[in-house]
C-alpha atoms as a PDB file:
ATOM      1  CA  UNK A   1      81.578  44.975  44.568  1.00  0.00           C
ATOM      2  CA  UNK A   2      84.630  47.066  45.232  1.00  0.00           C
ATOM      3  CA  UNK A   3      84.278  51.004  45.996  1.00  0.00           C
ATOM      4  CA  UNK A   4      81.012  51.378  43.973  1.00  0.00           C
ATOM      5  CA  UNK A   5      79.022  49.560  46.580  1.00  0.00           C
ATOM      6  CA  UNK A   6      80.776  51.022  49.706  1.00  0.00           C
ATOM      7  CA  UNK A   7      79.151  53.700  51.870  1.00  0.00           C
ATOM      8  CA  UNK A   8      80.700  57.428  51.526  1.00  0.00           C
ATOM      9  CA  UNK A   9      82.758  58.725  54.324  1.00  0.00           C
ATOM     10  CA  UNK A  10      81.032  60.844  56.977  1.00  0.00           C
ATOM     11  CA  UNK A  11      81.922  64.582  56.613  1.00  0.00           C
ATOM     12  CA  UNK A  12      83.614  65.101  60.058  1.00  0.00           C
ATOM     13  CA  UNK A  13      85.665  61.653  59.998  1.00  0.00           C
ATOM     14  CA  UNK A  14      89.357  62.115  60.200  1.00  0.00           C
ATOM     15  CA  UNK A  15      92.272  60.155  61.462  1.00  0.00           C
ATOM     16  CA  UNK A  16      93.818  60.999  64.797  1.00  0.00           C
ATOM     17  CA  UNK A  17      97.598  62.063  65.024  1.00  0.00           C
ATOM     18  CA  UNK A  18     100.109  59.881  66.280  1.00  0.00           C
ATOM     19  CA  UNK A  19     100.306  59.537  69.855  1.00  0.00           C
ATOM     20  CA  UNK A  20     103.132  61.805  71.395  1.00  0.00           C
ATOM     21  CA  UNK A  21     103.506  63.969  68.338  1.00  0.00           C
ATOM     22  CA  UNK A  22     103.124  67.660  68.480  1.00  0.00           C
ATOM     23  CA  UNK A  23      99.858  67.266  66.411  1.00  0.00           C
ATOM     24  CA  UNK A  24      98.501  64.923  69.191  1.00  0.00           C
ATOM     25  CA  UNK A  25      99.308  67.206  71.954  1.00  0.00           C
ATOM     26  CA  UNK A  26      97.647  70.137  70.138  1.00  0.00           C
ATOM     27  CA  UNK A  27      94.647  67.921  69.552  1.00  0.00           C
ATOM     28  CA  UNK A  28      94.421  66.904  73.089  1.00  0.00           C
ATOM     29  CA  UNK A  29      94.644  70.424  74.473  1.00  0.00           C
ATOM     30  CA  UNK A  30      91.833  71.650  72.012  1.00  0.00           C
ATOM     31  CA  UNK A  31      89.553  68.558  73.142  1.00  0.00           C
ATOM     32  CA  UNK A  32      90.418  69.471  76.946  1.00  0.00           C
ATOM     33  CA  UNK A  33      89.485  73.149  76.234  1.00  0.00           C
ATOM     34  CA  UNK A  34      86.429  72.239  74.692  1.00  0.00           C
ATOM     35  CA  UNK A  35      85.408  69.749  77.244  1.00  0.00           C
ATOM     36  CA  UNK A  36      85.972  72.392  80.090  1.00  0.00           C
ATOM     37  CA  UNK A  37      84.740  75.518  78.671  1.00  0.00           C
ATOM     38  CA  UNK A  38      82.460  74.747  75.841  1.00  0.00           C
ATOM     39  CA  UNK A  39      80.670  77.904  74.489  1.00  0.00           C
ATOM     40  CA  UNK A  40      80.393  79.340  77.882  1.00  0.00           C
ATOM     41  CA  UNK A  41      83.188  82.056  77.461  1.00  0.00           C
ATOM     42  CA  UNK A  42      81.852  83.248  74.472  1.00  0.00           C
ATOM     43  CA  UNK A  43      78.387  83.705  76.043  1.00  0.00           C
ATOM     44  CA  UNK A  44      79.682  85.535  79.079  1.00  0.00           C
ATOM     45  CA  UNK A  45      81.900  87.915  76.792  1.00  0.00           C
ATOM     46  CA  UNK A  46      78.727  88.509  74.646  1.00  0.00           C
ATOM     47  CA  UNK A  47      76.364  89.316  77.514  1.00  0.00           C
ATOM     48  CA  UNK A  48      78.718  91.537  79.223  1.00  0.00           C
ATOM     49  CA  UNK A  49      79.467  93.563  76.019  1.00  0.00           C
ATOM     50  CA  UNK A  50      75.575  93.954  75.494  1.00  0.00           C
ATOM     51  CA  UNK A  51      75.287  94.972  79.033  1.00  0.00           C
ATOM     52  CA  UNK A  52      78.103  97.652  78.755  1.00  0.00           C
ATOM     53  CA  UNK A  53      76.465  99.050  75.262  1.00  0.00           C
ATOM     54  CA  UNK A  54      73.357  99.233  77.019  1.00  0.00           C
ATOM     55  CA  UNK A  55      74.691 101.095  80.038  1.00  0.00           C
ATOM     56  CA  UNK A  56      76.556 103.463  77.718  1.00  0.00           C
ATOM     57  CA  UNK A  57      73.451 104.264  75.736  1.00  0.00           C
ATOM     58  CA  UNK A  58      71.419 104.835  79.069  1.00  0.00           C
ATOM     59  CA  UNK A  59      74.101 107.272  80.477  1.00  0.00           C
ATOM     60  CA  UNK A  60      74.481 109.220  77.296  1.00  0.00           C
ATOM     61  CA  UNK A  61      70.756 109.679  76.712  1.00  0.00           C
END
């Protein structure tokens, strides 16, 4: 009975901010950005960086 028999919270569980608050607007902005881009920009920058470094190495050798 009581809290001893209840399930533990999930680690990523959190309460959403109140609708219309500044925190809510920031949360929605982050969610939209994550849905739109995901990890693609980081991947593109990483690939370009590797290509530039390899090109620089080939030119200098």
